[in-house]
Amino acid sequence: MIETRAWRQRLRIWLIRRLRSSAVWPAGTADKRTDVDRLDQALRAKVMVFFATGRNTVYQLRGWLRALEDLDAAHGVVVVCRDSRAAAAIRAESTLDCLTLATPAQLDAILQLSSVKLALYVNHNPINFECLRFPSLVHVYLGHGDSDKGVSVSNQVKAYDFCFLAGQGALDRTAAGTMLYDAPGRSIVVGQPELDVAWPAPDPDPQRRTVLYAPTWEASQPSMCYSSLQTMGEQIMAAVRGRYRLIYRPHPSTGSLDPAYAALDTQLRGLADRVDTDVPLTRSFADADLLLADVSAVILSWLPSGRPVVLIEPAVPMLKSPLLEALPLLRPGADIASMIDAQLRDDPTAEARGELVEYYFGDTTPGAATARFLQACTDLIELRDTQWAAAQARGAVGP
């Protein structure tokens, strides 16, 4: 009986490993294929990015890669993943050291060998708590982009020692939306280093101007479904197609929860002049004369371009924000083509958008945000060392 159980257990483990390494393993589920050869090696870094989600969410980290490479040069950075495919994608897009660990025990063992002092997170995945439990680290939430979406304010920020925010807009949003939380005391405004990445040279169409339609996804919460795909997607494509060159850039998670969105996304791709899914956001931005988008981080990242933008009114209730008050809102039933024509011809919100850039990002001089990010990380590493030394002197922690 014991031998039978052992045989079944070995077979189960073998089958799971085979499945995890196969093409049928879902992209959204971490494959936990451990880098076994790294388990007994100390991490040569003071900073760890903990990235527990699958390869389908690498976009959440992508905007930070250049700034993290600069941080790597200063302090050393390692990206700890739960999915080997995500780690491979990050290696392909950056020079950062990446490894995959499957269990909390493996993370514990490797941290015991290492001198990691700062842990960074770009999402609120529940698995983050497996790393948040370590008191020897300063834990910082970075997030992925900044937006006025309701989901941008989460009670989960209380789990971290500090949050790095893009600007005054994010600080005001956090202070107003999070109860019993000292937002000014627990937040550090660093700007958005993603904006420091130079756009490529534009690829214009000499015959027509270009409209970029970038809807967001259906969201995991109905109250946060700001996507225009079902409410206005077909009307937008019909109004723009033929009149302007049309670039369609769907959110990477579109259709991941609702098959109806996946089907509509497939349909809309066939109506666009170009579909941007495998190119950087800066490529899409560089080639567009006007952005048409839902409430999302894409809208805010576009603002420093100085080019016109039309915001699609959310289908669900949303709190007032400077963004909604300043930008032209596209509502169901509107004359979409005439609205776009007017924005490209007169650009009536140019001055208001300039004020929004200051409010949401502060100084957008190239390199300014990255410099603030690097300094904030350095300051927290020094703070950690001071606090840890004091705790050791009290006998509260080990050597």
Foldseek 3Di string as FASTA:
>chain_A
DVVVVVVVVVVVVVVLLVQLPDPPNDQFDASQPFPVVCLQPAAQFQEEEEEETGLLCLLLCVLCQVLVVVLCVVTRYEYEYQHVNNQVVSVVNHVHHYTYHNDLVSVVSRVVVYNHAEYEYADLPVCCVSVLVDPLHQYEYEHRFDFQQPVLADLSNVSGQAYEAQFQQSLVSNVVRHPPDDSVVRYHYQHRLSLLDDFDAADEDPVFAEEEEEEEACDPDVLRRQGCLVPCVVVLLVLDQPRHQYEYEYHSCHCVVPVVRVVSVVVSCVSHNYYDDPDDPSRVLNHHQEYEYEGDSNVLSNLVVLHYYEYEDGPHDGDDDLVVVQHHYDYPPDNNNVVVVCCSVPVVRSVSSVVVNCRRHNDSDNPRSSVSVSVVVVVSSVVSVVVVVVCVVVVNDDD
